Amino acid sequence: MLRRMLSGNGDIDPQQLAGAAGLPTDPALIASLMSQLQSAMQYRGDGIDLDAAKDRASAIAREDQRALDPATSNALMQAFQVAALWLDEVTDVAELTSAPRLLTREQWAALTTPTWAQLAEPVASSIANALTEVIDQQAPEELRSMLGDPSRMMRSLGGALFALQLGQVIGQLSSEVVSGGDVGIPLLDEQEAALVPQNVDAFGEGLDIPVDEVRIYLAVRELAHARLFRSARWLRLHLITSITEYARGLHIDADAVQDLAMRFDPSNAEELQEAMASGALIPPKTPEQEAALARLETMLALVEGWVDTVTAEATARLPHADAIAEMVRRRRATGGPAESALGALVGLELRPRRLREAATMWQRLASDLGRAQRDALWSHPDLVPTSEDIDEPGALVARLRDPGTEDDAIDRAIEELLDDESGDRPHERSDGSADEGPGASGR
């Protein structure tokens, strides 16, 4: 069936197939889709075709893209300079070692595609595994002899189609994001800050707020986000690892795939689209996934809460800072770019549900203990506040003010361990027998 379709002699309309996959149905894309799927018939690689994803993302990002003009670029670089000075006044987190960047939509898409592919790879593998499992169980011998290795072919086809879908999402996202850290995780290098000028201007349209204020506010947010991830070098890897580990727990129901394939009507592609969009092929979350999701949401809330708190302090001079902040919160609450993109790619909503509570906790720490001690909590993962700390910031403040009890317990444990390793543990003689040591007979 696949060979007939790709040669133009099949019963499935490629335009309907593209629509079911959530891809545009324009003739140029259909021709590109067929060409890439035909190439995939000969391709023997595994995983997402990164080049195909980049090409698709860049093509979409170029649509309606404006070039960077000198006047806007100069204004935004000045906004970054002001933002850096204001941040120095409210946080001890060190400044960046690299200069901020201004990106076109196409540049943002090309630079972030590798990270998106890393996040989506586990789901692509789950889909491929489900398809190959059905093929291995159900393919008749005559099909195996004709195709050679149908499982490998389906894995290649799945990787090619998933790459196109990934590029489609990234390309659409490039018209929405305003900065490198807009999605909550650093998609660029952890030491980089970047704004997308065309989208910054679009963000400010209709707000009835001077454009300079909008630019400075967004520059402060982006610098605060980038500084945090540069200072806490463990944080980026921690978040990305948490997301990919969650995604690896996703499994496509092979029985559901087989059932859908058996009753699939090639003339009714809407049935396939509905099955994919509804999540019917993905089983419910496991208890381990639920726990991982709770930890991930807590960390995202801590990051976003800290960025919101520091940004509010740094932009207190701006007359309309509160209005811009409310616009940012509203944009996040309605399911911003991070949620829609990752929801499509890995079945995960990256919404920091406890953002306001986390921001309140960071404000309490700054007012009671000072900004230096607040920011020092990012120096090691073991020091970062927990979900319980967000619930009880007063208890966290008390513990940080008087850490003696906890430190004493740790010291005692270390002392006992050292005692065990010194005089109170049996030693081995040169002949291999055990020397019980002093006082052994009384034990």
Protein backbone atom coordinates (compact mmCIF):
# COMPACT_ATOMS: atom_id res chain seq x y z
CA MET A 1 0.00 0.00 0.00
CA LEU A 2 2.83 2.38 0.91
CA ARG A 3 4.73 1.65 -2.30
CA ARG A 4 1.59 2.26 -4.38
CA MET A 5 0.84 5.50 -2.56
CA LEU A 6 4.37 6.83 -2.96
CA SER A 7 4.33 5.97 -6.67
CA GLY A 8 1.01 7.78 -7.10
CA ASN A 9 -1.06 4.64 -7.68
CA GLY A 10 -2.48 4.14 -4.20
CA ASP A 11 -5.94 4.62 -2.76
CA ILE A 12 -4.82 7.18 -0.15
CA ASP A 13 -4.87 10.80 -1.22
CA PRO A 14 -1.54 12.34 -0.08
CA GLN A 15 -3.35 15.62 0.54
CA GLN A 16 -5.69 13.90 3.00
CA LEU A 17 -2.76 12.12 4.66
CA ALA A 18 -0.97 15.45 5.20
CA GLY A 19 -4.10 16.96 6.70
CA ALA A 20 -4.50 14.02 9.06
CA ALA A 21 -0.89 14.49 10.19
CA GLY A 22 -1.55 18.13 11.00
CA LEU A 23 0.50 19.41 8.06
CA PRO A 24 -0.61 22.06 5.54
CA THR A 25 -2.06 20.66 2.35
CA ASP A 26 -0.57 23.04 -0.20
CA PRO A 27 0.74 21.33 -3.34
CA ALA A 28 4.36 22.39 -2.79
CA LEU A 29 4.47 20.78 0.65
CA ILE A 30 2.74 17.65 -0.61
CA ALA A 31 5.38 17.28 -3.29
CA SER A 32 8.11 17.77 -0.68
CA LEU A 33 6.42 15.29 1.67
CA MET A 34 6.20 12.62 -1.01
CA SER A 35 9.83 13.20 -2.00
CA GLN A 36 11.07 12.88 1.57
CA LEU A 37 8.96 9.79 2.24
CA GLN A 38 10.27 8.21 -0.95
CA SER A 39 13.81 8.92 0.21
CA ALA A 40 12.95 7.40 3.57
CA MET A 41 12.11 4.14 1.82
CA GLN A 42 15.83 3.86 1.08
CA TYR A 43 17.05 5.52 4.31
CA ARG A 44 18.34 3.19 7.02
CA GLY A 45 18.91 5.62 9.85
CA ASP A 46 17.05 5.77 13.18
CA GLY A 47 15.46 8.68 14.96
CA ILE A 48 14.40 12.13 13.80
CA ASP A 49 15.91 13.43 10.56
CA LEU A 50 17.32 16.67 11.99
CA ASP A 51 18.07 18.18 8.58
CA ALA A 52 14.51 17.60 7.41
CA ALA A 53 13.14 19.21 10.60
CA LYS A 54 15.44 22.23 10.18
CA ASP A 55 14.50 22.68 6.54
CA ARG A 56 10.78 22.58 7.30
CA ALA A 57 11.08 24.90 10.31
CA SER A 58 13.16 27.43 8.36
CA ALA A 59 10.76 27.40 5.42
CA ILE A 60 7.80 28.25 7.65
CA ALA A 61 9.75 30.82 9.67
CA ARG A 62 10.66 32.70 6.48
CA GLU A 63 6.99 33.30 5.72
CA ASP A 64 6.04 36.89 6.67
CA GLN A 65 9.50 37.41 8.13
CA ARG A 66 10.94 40.91 8.27
CA ALA A 67 14.64 41.65 8.14
CA LEU A 68 16.32 43.30 11.13
CA ASP A 69 16.38 47.05 10.61
CA PRO A 70 19.19 49.16 12.11
CA ALA A 71 16.95 51.50 14.13
CA THR A 72 15.11 48.69 15.91
CA SER A 73 18.33 46.76 16.46
CA ASN A 74 20.03 49.77 18.07
CA ALA A 75 17.01 50.40 20.30
CA LEU A 76 16.92 46.79 21.51
CA MET A 77 20.65 46.64 22.20
CA GLN A 78 20.27 49.81 24.28
CA ALA A 79 17.39 48.13 26.10
CA PHE A 80 19.70 45.22 26.92
CA GLN A 81 22.29 47.65 28.33
CA VAL A 82 19.70 49.29 30.58
CA ALA A 83 18.37 45.87 31.63
CA ALA A 84 21.85 44.72 32.67
CA LEU A 85 22.36 47.80 34.87
CA TRP A 86 18.98 47.42 36.54
CA LEU A 87 19.48 43.71 37.17
CA ASP A 88 22.82 44.39 38.84
CA GLU A 89 20.93 46.39 41.44
CA VAL A 90 18.50 43.64 42.43
CA THR A 91 20.35 40.32 42.15
CA ASP A 92 23.74 38.85 42.91
CA VAL A 93 23.52 36.42 39.99
CA ALA A 94 26.49 37.20 37.76
CA GLU A 95 26.11 38.85 34.38
CA LEU A 96 26.60 36.98 31.11
CA THR A 97 29.97 36.53 29.47
CA SER A 98 28.56 36.77 25.92
CA ALA A 99 26.72 39.71 24.36
CA PRO A 100 22.95 39.42 23.82
CA ARG A 101 21.73 38.59 20.33
CA LEU A 102 18.92 39.72 18.04
CA LEU A 103 17.47 36.93 15.90
CA THR A 104 15.19 36.70 12.92
CA ARG A 105 12.46 34.10 13.09
CA GLU A 106 14.42 31.83 10.77
CA GLN A 107 17.56 32.12 12.90
CA TRP A 108 15.59 31.29 16.05
CA ALA A 109 14.10 28.22 14.36
CA ALA A 110 17.45 26.94 13.09
CA LEU A 111 19.25 27.48 16.41
CA THR A 112 16.59 25.84 18.59
CA THR A 113 15.71 22.82 16.42
CA PRO A 114 18.46 20.58 17.92
CA THR A 115 17.10 21.08 21.44
CA TRP A 116 13.52 20.49 20.31
CA ALA A 117 14.65 17.29 18.57
CA GLN A 118 16.34 16.14 21.78
CA LEU A 119 13.08 16.65 23.69
CA ALA A 120 10.95 14.93 21.05
CA GLU A 121 13.24 11.98 20.29
CA PRO A 122 11.80 9.65 23.00
CA VAL A 123 8.29 10.09 21.65
CA ALA A 124 9.43 9.51 18.08
CA SER A 125 11.04 6.29 19.28
CA SER A 126 7.84 5.21 21.03
CA ILE A 127 5.82 5.76 17.88
CA ALA A 128 8.35 3.85 15.78
CA ASN A 129 8.41 0.99 18.29
CA ALA A 130 4.63 0.69 18.23
CA LEU A 131 4.53 0.65 14.42
CA THR A 132 7.31 -1.92 14.12
CA GLU A 133 5.70 -4.10 16.79
CA VAL A 134 2.49 -4.28 14.76
CA ILE A 135 4.42 -4.94 11.54
CA ASP A 136 6.52 -7.67 13.15
CA GLN A 137 3.45 -9.40 14.54
CA GLN A 138 1.13 -9.04 11.57
CA ALA A 139 3.19 -8.75 8.37
CA PRO A 140 2.72 -11.85 6.14
CA GLU A 141 5.75 -13.63 4.74
CA GLU A 142 5.10 -12.43 1.18
CA LEU A 143 5.31 -8.83 2.39
CA ARG A 144 8.56 -9.51 4.22
CA SER A 145 10.11 -11.05 1.12
CA MET A 146 8.93 -8.14 -1.03
CA LEU A 147 10.07 -5.34 1.29
CA GLY A 148 13.06 -7.05 2.86
CA ASP A 149 12.76 -5.43 6.27
CA PRO A 150 9.30 -3.81 6.72
CA SER A 151 10.06 -2.86 10.33
CA ARG A 152 13.12 -0.88 9.28
CA MET A 153 11.13 0.76 6.48
CA MET A 154 8.33 1.80 8.85
CA ARG A 155 10.87 3.18 11.34
CA SER A 156 12.46 5.27 8.59
CA LEU A 157 9.10 6.49 7.32
CA GLY A 158 7.99 7.33 10.84
CA GLY A 159 11.17 9.29 11.51
CA ALA A 160 10.76 11.26 8.28
CA LEU A 161 7.13 12.13 8.95
CA PHE A 162 7.83 13.02 12.59
CA ALA A 163 10.67 15.31 11.46
CA LEU A 164 8.25 17.18 9.20
CA GLN A 165 5.75 17.54 12.03
CA LEU A 166 8.50 18.73 14.37
CA GLY A 167 9.66 21.31 11.84
CA GLN A 168 6.06 22.44 11.35
CA VAL A 169 5.64 23.12 15.07
CA ILE A 170 8.99 24.91 15.42
CA GLY A 171 8.26 27.06 12.38
CA GLN A 172 4.88 28.10 13.78
CA LEU A 173 6.44 28.75 17.17
CA SER A 174 9.02 31.10 15.63
CA SER A 175 6.26 33.62 14.95
CA GLU A 176 5.13 33.62 18.61
CA VAL A 177 8.20 33.59 20.87
CA VAL A 178 9.75 36.90 21.86
CA SER A 179 13.03 35.61 23.30
CA GLY A 180 15.36 32.68 23.79
CA GLY A 181 13.92 31.79 27.20
CA ASP A 182 10.27 32.46 26.37
CA VAL A 183 9.31 28.81 26.69
CA GLY A 184 10.73 28.45 30.21
CA ILE A 185 13.74 26.33 29.30
CA PRO A 186 16.89 27.61 27.55
CA LEU A 187 16.64 26.45 23.96
CA LEU A 188 19.80 28.34 23.06
CA ASP A 189 23.18 28.00 24.72
CA GLU A 190 22.85 28.45 28.49
CA GLN A 191 25.05 31.54 28.37
CA GLU A 192 23.06 33.34 25.67
CA ALA A 193 20.26 35.88 25.79
CA ALA A 194 18.32 36.74 22.65
CA LEU A 195 15.27 38.66 21.49
CA VAL A 196 13.25 38.25 18.28
CA PRO A 197 12.61 41.93 17.32
CA GLN A 198 9.71 41.26 14.96
CA ASN A 199 7.84 39.35 17.67
CA VAL A 200 8.73 41.87 20.38
CA ASP A 201 7.05 44.57 18.31
CA ALA A 202 4.02 42.32 17.74
CA PHE A 203 3.80 41.67 21.50
CA GLY A 204 3.55 45.41 22.19
CA GLU A 205 0.90 46.13 19.56
CA GLY A 206 -2.42 47.20 21.02
CA LEU A 207 -1.10 47.63 24.59
CA ASP A 208 -1.16 51.43 24.45
CA ILE A 209 2.24 51.39 26.18
CA PRO A 210 5.39 53.11 24.87
CA VAL A 211 7.40 50.62 22.83
CA ASP A 212 10.59 51.48 24.73
CA GLU A 213 9.04 50.25 27.99
CA VAL A 214 7.99 46.97 26.38
CA ARG A 215 11.48 46.42 24.97
CA ILE A 216 13.22 47.14 28.27
CA TYR A 217 10.83 44.92 30.24
CA LEU A 218 11.28 41.95 27.88
CA ALA A 219 15.05 42.52 27.81
CA VAL A 220 15.14 42.38 31.62
CA ARG A 221 13.15 39.13 31.66
CA GLU A 222 15.38 37.52 29.05
CA LEU A 223 18.60 38.60 30.77
CA ALA A 224 17.32 37.40 34.17
CA HIS A 225 16.43 34.03 32.68
CA ALA A 226 19.78 33.64 30.90
CA ARG A 227 21.75 34.76 33.96
CA LEU A 228 19.99 32.22 36.16
CA PHE A 229 20.84 29.32 33.85
CA ARG A 230 24.43 30.48 33.45
CA SER A 231 24.88 30.77 37.22
CA ALA A 232 23.12 27.48 38.04
CA ARG A 233 24.90 25.41 35.39
CA TRP A 234 23.20 22.21 36.52
CA LEU A 235 19.72 23.63 35.91
CA ARG A 236 19.47 23.38 32.11
CA LEU A 237 20.55 19.74 32.05
CA HIS A 238 18.24 18.99 34.97
CA LEU A 239 15.17 20.37 33.18
CA ILE A 240 15.92 18.81 29.81
CA THR A 241 16.69 15.46 31.43
CA SER A 242 13.43 15.62 33.41
CA ILE A 243 11.45 16.27 30.24
CA THR A 244 13.11 13.51 28.22
CA GLU A 245 12.79 11.00 31.07
CA TYR A 246 9.10 11.79 31.30
CA ALA A 247 8.77 11.40 27.53
CA ARG A 248 10.55 8.03 27.60
CA GLY A 249 7.74 6.80 29.82
CA LEU A 250 5.23 7.46 27.07
CA HIS A 251 4.22 4.33 25.20
CA ILE A 252 1.99 4.14 22.17
CA ASP A 253 -0.67 1.42 22.50
CA ALA A 254 0.27 -1.04 19.75
CA ASP A 255 -3.11 -2.78 20.02
CA ALA A 256 -4.86 0.53 19.45
CA VAL A 257 -2.64 1.19 16.42
CA GLN A 258 -3.50 -2.22 15.01
CA ASP A 259 -7.21 -1.70 15.64
CA LEU A 260 -7.10 1.69 13.93
CA ALA A 261 -5.21 0.26 10.95
CA MET A 262 -7.72 -2.59 10.50
CA ARG A 263 -10.73 -0.30 10.38
CA PHE A 264 -9.03 2.69 8.71
CA ASP A 265 -10.91 3.97 5.67
CA PRO A 266 -8.44 5.61 3.24
CA SER A 267 -11.20 7.93 2.04
CA ASN A 268 -11.82 9.19 5.60
CA ALA A 269 -8.55 10.71 6.78
CA GLU A 270 -10.45 12.68 9.43
CA GLU A 271 -10.74 9.47 11.47
CA LEU A 272 -6.96 9.17 11.64
CA GLN A 273 -6.57 12.85 12.52
CA GLU A 274 -9.15 12.56 15.32
CA ALA A 275 -7.44 9.47 16.77
CA MET A 276 -4.04 11.18 16.80
CA ALA A 277 -5.27 14.52 18.16
CA SER A 278 -7.39 12.96 20.91
CA GLY A 279 -4.46 11.11 22.44
CA ALA A 280 -6.39 7.84 22.17
CA LEU A 281 -3.22 5.99 21.17
CA ILE A 282 -1.33 7.08 24.30
CA PRO A 283 -2.15 5.16 27.52
CA PRO A 284 -2.83 7.09 30.77
CA LYS A 285 0.17 8.39 32.75
CA THR A 286 1.82 5.93 35.09
CA PRO A 287 2.34 6.80 38.79
CA GLU A 288 6.04 7.31 38.00
CA GLN A 289 5.15 9.76 35.24
CA GLU A 290 2.74 11.62 37.51
CA ALA A 291 5.49 12.00 40.12
CA ALA A 292 8.01 13.13 37.48
CA LEU A 293 5.51 15.63 36.13
CA ALA A 294 4.90 17.07 39.60
CA ARG A 295 8.65 17.53 40.15
CA LEU A 296 9.04 19.14 36.74
CA GLU A 297 6.15 21.55 37.33
CA THR A 298 7.63 22.54 40.68
CA MET A 299 11.02 23.32 39.15
CA LEU A 300 9.44 25.29 36.32
CA ALA A 301 7.41 27.28 38.84
CA LEU A 302 10.56 28.01 40.86
CA VAL A 303 12.41 29.24 37.75
CA GLU A 304 9.54 31.36 36.45
CA GLY A 305 8.72 32.65 39.92
CA TRP A 306 12.31 33.78 40.48
CA VAL A 307 12.44 35.45 37.05
CA ASP A 308 9.12 37.23 37.69
CA THR A 309 10.28 38.42 41.12
CA VAL A 310 13.63 39.74 39.91
CA THR A 311 12.06 41.34 36.84
CA ALA A 312 9.45 43.13 38.96
CA GLU A 313 12.18 44.53 41.22
CA ALA A 314 14.38 45.61 38.32
CA THR A 315 11.59 47.28 36.32
CA ALA A 316 10.02 49.20 39.19
CA ARG A 317 11.03 52.43 37.40
CA LEU A 318 8.85 51.66 34.38
CA PRO A 319 5.42 53.35 34.70
CA HIS A 320 3.63 50.48 32.94
CA ALA A 321 5.64 47.54 34.32
CA ASP A 322 2.60 46.01 36.06
CA ALA A 323 0.52 46.13 32.88
CA ILE A 324 3.26 44.44 30.85
CA ALA A 325 3.73 41.82 33.57
CA GLU A 326 0.00 41.08 33.51
CA MET A 327 0.16 40.63 29.75
CA VAL A 328 3.02 38.14 30.18
CA ARG A 329 1.06 36.23 32.84
CA ARG A 330 -2.09 36.18 30.73
CA ARG A 331 -0.14 34.91 27.75
CA ARG A 332 1.27 32.12 29.90
CA ALA A 333 -2.07 31.25 31.50
CA THR A 334 -3.80 30.79 28.14
CA GLY A 335 -1.30 28.16 27.14
CA GLY A 336 1.61 30.01 25.64
CA PRO A 337 4.10 28.79 23.08
CA ALA A 338 5.77 26.27 25.40
CA GLU A 339 2.56 24.43 26.20
CA SER A 340 1.26 24.22 22.65
CA ALA A 341 4.62 23.15 21.22
CA LEU A 342 5.57 20.53 23.80
CA GLY A 343 1.97 19.37 24.03
CA ALA A 344 2.14 18.50 20.35
CA LEU A 345 5.61 16.97 20.50
CA VAL A 346 5.80 15.03 23.77
CA GLY A 347 2.29 15.04 25.18
CA LEU A 348 3.40 17.34 27.99
CA GLU A 349 2.02 20.68 29.15
CA LEU A 350 4.82 22.88 30.46
CA ARG A 351 2.66 25.18 32.52
CA PRO A 352 4.13 26.36 35.85
CA ARG A 353 0.86 25.95 37.72
CA ARG A 354 2.26 27.21 41.03
CA LEU A 355 3.92 30.28 39.58
CA ARG A 356 2.25 32.84 41.84
CA GLU A 357 2.97 30.84 45.00
CA ALA A 358 6.60 30.37 43.98
CA ALA A 359 6.97 34.11 43.28
CA THR A 360 5.51 34.87 46.71
CA MET A 361 8.06 32.53 48.31
CA TRP A 362 11.00 34.22 46.53
CA GLN A 363 9.71 37.64 47.60
CA ARG A 364 9.46 36.44 51.21
CA LEU A 365 13.03 35.14 51.13
CA ALA A 366 14.35 38.44 49.76
CA SER A 367 12.51 40.55 52.32
CA ASP A 368 13.39 38.35 55.33
CA LEU A 369 16.88 37.10 54.45
CA GLY A 370 18.15 39.38 51.70
CA ARG A 371 18.68 38.93 47.99
CA ALA A 372 22.10 37.34 48.36
CA GLN A 373 20.82 34.42 50.43
CA ARG A 374 17.79 34.07 48.16
CA ASP A 375 19.93 33.77 45.04
CA ALA A 376 22.47 31.48 46.73
CA LEU A 377 19.83 28.74 46.86
CA TRP A 378 20.42 28.14 43.13
CA SER A 379 24.08 27.22 43.71
CA HIS A 380 23.34 23.51 44.16
CA PRO A 381 20.31 21.31 43.37
CA ASP A 382 20.14 20.12 46.98
CA LEU A 383 19.58 23.71 48.15
CA VAL A 384 16.71 24.56 45.81
CA PRO A 385 13.36 24.93 47.61
CA THR A 386 10.86 22.10 47.36
CA SER A 387 7.12 21.97 46.80
CA GLU A 388 6.69 21.92 50.58
CA ASP A 389 8.78 25.09 50.86
CA ILE A 390 6.47 26.81 48.39
CA ASP A 391 3.57 25.81 50.64
CA GLU A 392 5.32 26.97 53.83
CA PRO A 393 7.77 29.79 53.04
CA GLY A 394 7.83 30.77 56.71
CA ALA A 395 9.24 27.37 57.67
CA LEU A 396 11.88 27.70 54.97
CA VAL A 397 12.91 31.12 56.28
CA ALA A 398 13.19 29.73 59.81
CA ARG A 399 15.29 26.80 58.65
CA LEU A 400 17.65 29.04 56.71
CA ARG A 401 18.00 31.40 59.66
CA ASP A 402 18.87 28.60 62.06
CA PRO A 403 20.37 25.69 60.14
CA GLY A 404 22.21 24.41 63.23
CA THR A 405 19.94 21.45 63.99
CA GLU A 406 20.09 20.11 60.48
CA ASP A 407 23.84 20.70 60.23
CA ASP A 408 24.42 18.95 63.58
CA ALA A 409 22.59 15.87 62.35
CA ILE A 410 24.69 15.80 59.18
CA ASP A 411 27.90 16.27 61.21
CA ARG A 412 26.97 13.38 63.51
CA ALA A 413 26.30 11.11 60.55
CA ILE A 414 29.66 11.99 59.00
CA GLU A 415 31.41 11.45 62.32
CA GLU A 416 29.82 8.01 62.76
CA LEU A 417 30.85 7.07 59.21
CA LEU A 418 34.44 8.12 59.85
CA ASP A 419 34.48 6.16 63.11
CA ASP A 420 33.34 3.07 61.27
CA GLU A 421 36.11 3.52 58.71
CA SER A 422 38.83 4.07 61.34
CA GLY A 423 39.10 2.10 64.58
CA ASP A 424 35.79 0.33 65.04
CA ARG A 425 35.66 -1.68 61.87
CA PRO A 426 37.42 -5.07 61.45
CA HIS A 427 40.75 -4.82 59.63
CA GLU A 428 42.23 -7.43 57.36
CA ARG A 429 45.61 -9.02 58.24
CA SER A 430 48.22 -9.74 55.65
CA ASP A 431 47.23 -13.44 55.79
CA GLY A 432 43.65 -12.55 54.83
CA SER A 433 42.07 -13.25 58.25
CA ALA A 434 40.07 -10.62 60.10
CA ASP A 435 41.52 -8.59 62.92
CA GLU A 436 38.64 -7.79 65.19
CA GLY A 437 40.46 -4.84 66.80
CA PRO A 438 40.36 -3.58 70.36
CA GLY A 439 37.34 -4.49 72.35
CA ALA A 440 36.13 -7.01 69.85
CA SER A 441 35.50 -9.66 72.51
CA GLY A 442 33.02 -7.39 74.24
CA ARG A 443 30.84 -7.01 71.21
